[in-house]
Protein backbone atom coordinates (compact mmCIF):
# COMPACT_ATOMS: atom_id res chain seq x y z
CA MET A 1 81.79 16.41 117.21
CA ALA A 2 81.94 14.38 113.98
CA TYR A 3 84.99 14.72 111.76
CA LYS A 4 84.39 16.81 108.64
CA PHE A 5 85.91 15.53 105.39
CA ASN A 6 86.97 18.57 103.39
CA ASP A 7 88.06 16.71 100.27
CA PRO A 8 86.23 13.38 99.84
CA LEU A 9 87.31 10.90 97.19
CA VAL A 10 84.74 10.64 94.37
CA VAL A 11 84.78 7.23 92.70
CA ALA A 12 82.77 5.59 89.93
CA VAL A 13 81.90 1.89 90.14
CA THR A 14 81.06 0.48 86.73
CA GLY A 15 81.10 -2.75 84.75
CA GLY A 16 78.85 -4.60 82.35
CA ILE A 17 75.39 -6.06 82.67
CA GLY A 18 75.49 -8.80 85.33
CA SER A 19 79.08 -8.09 86.40
CA GLY A 20 78.09 -7.20 89.97
CA GLN A 21 78.87 -3.50 90.27
CA THR A 22 75.82 -2.81 92.45
CA THR A 23 76.76 -5.64 94.80
CA VAL A 24 80.23 -4.14 95.16
CA SER A 25 78.65 -0.71 95.76
CA SER A 26 76.50 -2.22 98.52
CA PHE A 27 79.69 -3.31 100.31
CA PHE A 28 81.02 0.24 100.09
CA LYS A 29 77.75 1.54 101.50
CA LYS A 30 78.10 -0.87 104.43
CA TRP A 31 81.54 0.66 105.06
CA LYS A 32 79.98 4.16 105.35
CA CYS A 33 80.60 5.44 101.82
CA LYS A 34 77.93 7.59 100.23
CA VAL A 35 76.53 5.57 97.31
CA ILE A 36 74.51 7.17 94.50
CA ASN A 37 72.92 4.74 92.05
CA ALA A 38 72.52 6.07 88.49
CA ASP A 39 69.56 3.82 87.61
CA ILE A 40 67.65 4.92 90.71
CA LYS A 41 68.53 8.56 89.99
CA ALA A 42 67.28 8.26 86.40
CA LYS A 43 64.00 6.73 87.55
CA GLU A 44 63.55 9.47 90.19
CA ILE A 45 64.08 12.16 87.56
CA ILE A 46 61.66 10.55 85.12
CA ASN A 47 58.98 10.20 87.81
CA LYS A 48 59.33 13.88 88.81
CA ASP A 49 59.89 15.60 85.45
CA LYS A 50 56.52 16.03 83.71
CA LYS A 51 58.08 17.44 80.56
CA LEU A 52 60.38 14.43 80.30
CA GLN A 53 57.43 12.09 80.88
CA HIS A 54 55.59 13.75 78.00
CA LEU A 55 58.60 13.37 75.68
CA LEU A 56 59.05 9.71 76.65
CA LYS A 57 55.35 9.00 76.02
CA GLN A 58 55.62 10.65 72.61
CA THR A 59 58.66 8.53 71.77
CA PHE A 60 57.83 5.14 73.33
CA GLY A 61 54.08 5.20 74.00
CA LYS A 62 51.89 5.80 77.06
CA GLU A 63 52.19 2.18 78.24
CA ILE A 64 55.65 2.84 79.73
CA PHE A 65 53.82 4.50 82.65
CA ASP A 66 51.19 2.92 84.90
CA LYS A 67 47.93 4.59 85.93
CA HIS A 68 49.74 6.37 88.78
CA SER A 69 52.29 7.84 86.30
CA SER A 70 55.06 5.61 87.67
CA LEU A 71 57.61 4.36 85.17
CA ASN A 72 57.47 0.74 84.02
CA THR A 73 61.23 0.31 83.63
CA ALA A 74 60.98 -3.20 82.19
CA ARG A 75 58.66 -2.03 79.39
CA LEU A 76 60.79 1.03 78.64
CA ALA A 77 63.93 -1.12 78.49
CA GLU A 78 62.22 -3.60 76.19
CA LEU A 79 61.31 -0.83 73.76
CA ALA A 80 64.51 1.19 74.07
CA PHE A 81 66.97 -1.64 73.57
CA LYS A 82 65.31 -3.34 70.62
CA ASP A 83 67.26 -1.22 68.12
CA GLU A 84 70.01 1.39 67.98
CA ILE A 85 67.71 4.30 67.06
CA ASN A 86 65.45 3.78 70.08
CA THR A 87 68.47 3.43 72.37
CA GLN A 88 69.84 6.74 71.10
CA LYS A 89 66.47 8.43 71.60
CA LEU A 90 66.31 7.25 75.22
CA ASN A 91 69.90 8.29 75.88
CA GLN A 92 69.36 11.77 74.43
CA LEU A 93 66.30 12.33 76.60
CA VAL A 94 67.46 10.83 79.89
CA HIS A 95 71.25 10.93 80.14
CA PRO A 96 71.81 14.72 80.32
CA ARG A 97 69.21 15.02 83.08
CA MET A 98 70.56 11.97 84.89
CA VAL A 99 74.14 13.28 84.82
CA ALA A 100 72.96 16.66 86.14
CA GLY A 101 71.10 14.86 88.94
CA LEU A 102 74.14 12.74 89.81
CA VAL A 103 76.42 15.78 89.92
CA GLU A 104 73.95 17.69 92.11
CA GLU A 105 73.70 14.87 94.66
CA MET A 106 77.45 14.27 94.48
CA GLU A 107 78.16 17.92 95.27
CA GLN A 108 75.64 17.92 98.13
CA ALA A 109 77.43 14.90 99.60
CA ARG A 110 80.83 16.54 99.06
CA PHE A 111 79.91 19.79 100.80
CA SER A 112 78.17 18.03 103.70
CA GLY A 113 81.59 16.88 104.92
CA ARG A 114 80.05 13.64 106.18
CA TYR A 115 81.63 11.23 103.72
CA GLN A 116 85.22 10.17 103.18
CA ILE A 117 84.31 8.44 99.91
CA ILE A 118 81.46 9.13 97.49
CA ILE A 119 80.54 6.31 95.11
CA ILE A 120 78.62 6.62 91.85
CA ASP A 121 77.21 3.23 90.81
CA ALA A 122 76.67 3.50 87.06
CA ALA A 123 77.01 1.08 84.15
CA LEU A 124 77.62 3.68 81.45
CA ILE A 125 80.49 5.78 82.85
CA TYR A 126 82.66 5.33 79.76
CA GLU A 127 79.79 5.15 77.27
CA ILE A 128 78.64 8.67 78.14
CA SER A 129 82.19 9.99 78.67
CA ILE A 130 81.91 11.15 82.28
CA GLU A 131 84.96 9.31 83.65
CA LYS A 132 86.83 12.62 84.09
CA LEU A 133 84.37 13.62 86.83
CA PHE A 134 85.95 11.08 89.19
CA ASP A 135 89.14 10.70 91.18
CA ALA A 136 89.14 6.99 90.28
CA VAL A 137 87.10 4.43 88.36
CA ILE A 138 86.52 0.87 89.56
CA VAL A 139 85.50 -1.75 87.01
CA VAL A 140 83.79 -4.90 88.27
CA SER A 141 84.52 -7.72 85.84
CA ALA A 142 83.19 -11.25 85.32
CA PRO A 143 83.14 -13.81 82.47
CA VAL A 144 80.25 -13.41 80.03
CA PRO A 145 78.65 -16.85 80.72
CA LEU A 146 78.56 -16.10 84.44
CA ARG A 147 77.13 -12.61 83.86
CA ALA A 148 74.44 -14.05 81.58
CA GLU A 149 73.49 -16.70 84.14
CA ARG A 150 73.13 -14.07 86.88
CA VAL A 151 70.90 -11.87 84.73
CA PHE A 152 68.69 -14.81 83.66
CA LYS A 153 68.12 -15.71 87.32
CA ARG A 154 67.80 -12.14 88.64
CA ASP A 155 65.70 -10.49 85.94
CA GLY A 156 64.23 -13.38 83.97
CA MET A 157 65.88 -11.89 80.90
CA SER A 158 66.10 -13.94 77.73
CA ARG A 159 69.41 -14.67 75.98
CA LYS A 160 68.38 -12.35 73.16
CA GLN A 161 67.64 -9.51 75.60
CA PHE A 162 70.96 -10.05 77.36
CA LYS A 163 72.82 -9.97 74.05
CA LEU A 164 71.05 -6.76 73.01
CA ARG A 165 71.93 -5.05 76.31
CA GLN A 166 75.51 -6.26 76.20
CA GLU A 167 75.98 -4.98 72.64
CA LYS A 168 74.92 -1.49 73.74
CA GLN A 169 77.83 -1.33 76.19
CA ILE A 170 81.55 -0.96 75.59
CA PRO A 171 83.18 -4.41 75.89
CA LEU A 172 84.15 -5.12 79.49
CA GLU A 173 87.70 -6.01 78.52
CA GLU A 174 88.15 -2.45 77.22
CA LYS A 175 86.82 -0.94 80.44
CA VAL A 176 89.23 -3.12 82.42
CA LYS A 177 92.15 -1.57 80.49
CA TRP A 178 91.04 1.96 81.40
CA ALA A 179 90.17 1.32 85.06
CA ASP A 180 92.12 2.53 88.09
CA PHE A 181 90.98 -0.56 90.00
CA VAL A 182 89.57 -3.88 88.77
CA ILE A 183 87.54 -6.21 91.00
CA GLU A 184 87.02 -9.71 89.60
CA ASN A 185 83.62 -11.18 90.42
CA ASP A 186 84.16 -14.80 89.41
CA ASP A 187 83.99 -16.56 92.80
CA THR A 188 81.86 -16.54 95.96
CA LEU A 189 80.17 -13.50 97.51
CA GLU A 190 82.62 -13.71 100.42
CA THR A 191 85.57 -13.57 98.02
CA LEU A 192 84.02 -10.59 96.24
CA GLU A 193 83.63 -8.76 99.55
CA LYS A 194 87.29 -9.40 100.44
CA ARG A 195 88.40 -8.08 97.05
CA ALA A 196 86.17 -5.03 97.46
CA ARG A 197 87.60 -4.44 100.95
CA THR A 198 91.12 -4.40 99.54
CA VAL A 199 90.13 -1.70 97.07
CA TYR A 200 88.23 0.19 99.79
CA ASN A 201 91.36 0.29 101.97
CA LYS A 202 93.34 1.71 99.05
CA MET A 203 90.68 4.38 98.48
CA VAL A 204 90.82 5.38 102.15
CA SER A 205 94.59 5.86 101.83
CA MET A 206 94.09 7.86 98.62
CA GLN A 207 91.59 10.15 100.32
CA ARG A 208 93.85 10.74 103.31
CA ASP A 209 96.78 11.59 101.06
CA GLN A 210 94.55 13.88 98.99
CA GLU A 211 93.33 15.73 102.08
CA LYS A 212 96.87 16.09 103.45
CA ARG A 213 98.09 17.58 100.16
CA LYS A 214 95.26 20.08 100.20
CA GLN A 215 96.11 21.12 103.78
CA ILE A 216 99.78 21.60 102.84
CA ILE A 217 98.81 23.81 99.89
CA LYS A 218 96.61 25.95 102.19
CA ILE A 219 99.49 26.41 104.65
């Protein structure tokens, strides 16, 4: 019979554009954590919610969806991040629904008892003030030139687009100050995995201590 985790640790993994938070989250997934990706969750919600689709079309135009009503994320991002007003409009429409979706999946994972650690992979933890939902926050950090280079190669993003996205986020150095754990992503992938493993081991210890305290209180 599989062990049931009664009090899993719920942790946010965040950073800045190109810092590598999703790569770090993929390591945690490999080590049997439940990982919930905020971008994927937002896209799922948009593709399912007809009312939200209608509101997005009214705000950004019909071309953000293809003929099968699937979201063209690149086009939506291009329109939404070109100025502050459009960014705010997107955030007001999507973020409340996304957070509700994240919390729902997080609670399902919690009550399943299958996971020792539940990870939320989300860039905007501090920007939308949801850090209090978590037992800990991990910030993945990297120098701006390195982050820019990664994004240019990965997404084909221009320097202007990178700058616009970066400006919409709280500076990474501020997030580092607030974090419970910081993972520097300024070396090889192997080094990043070792650093992530060190943090993972600490989270396992935190979860065990948390579960023991809860058992003592029950007694």
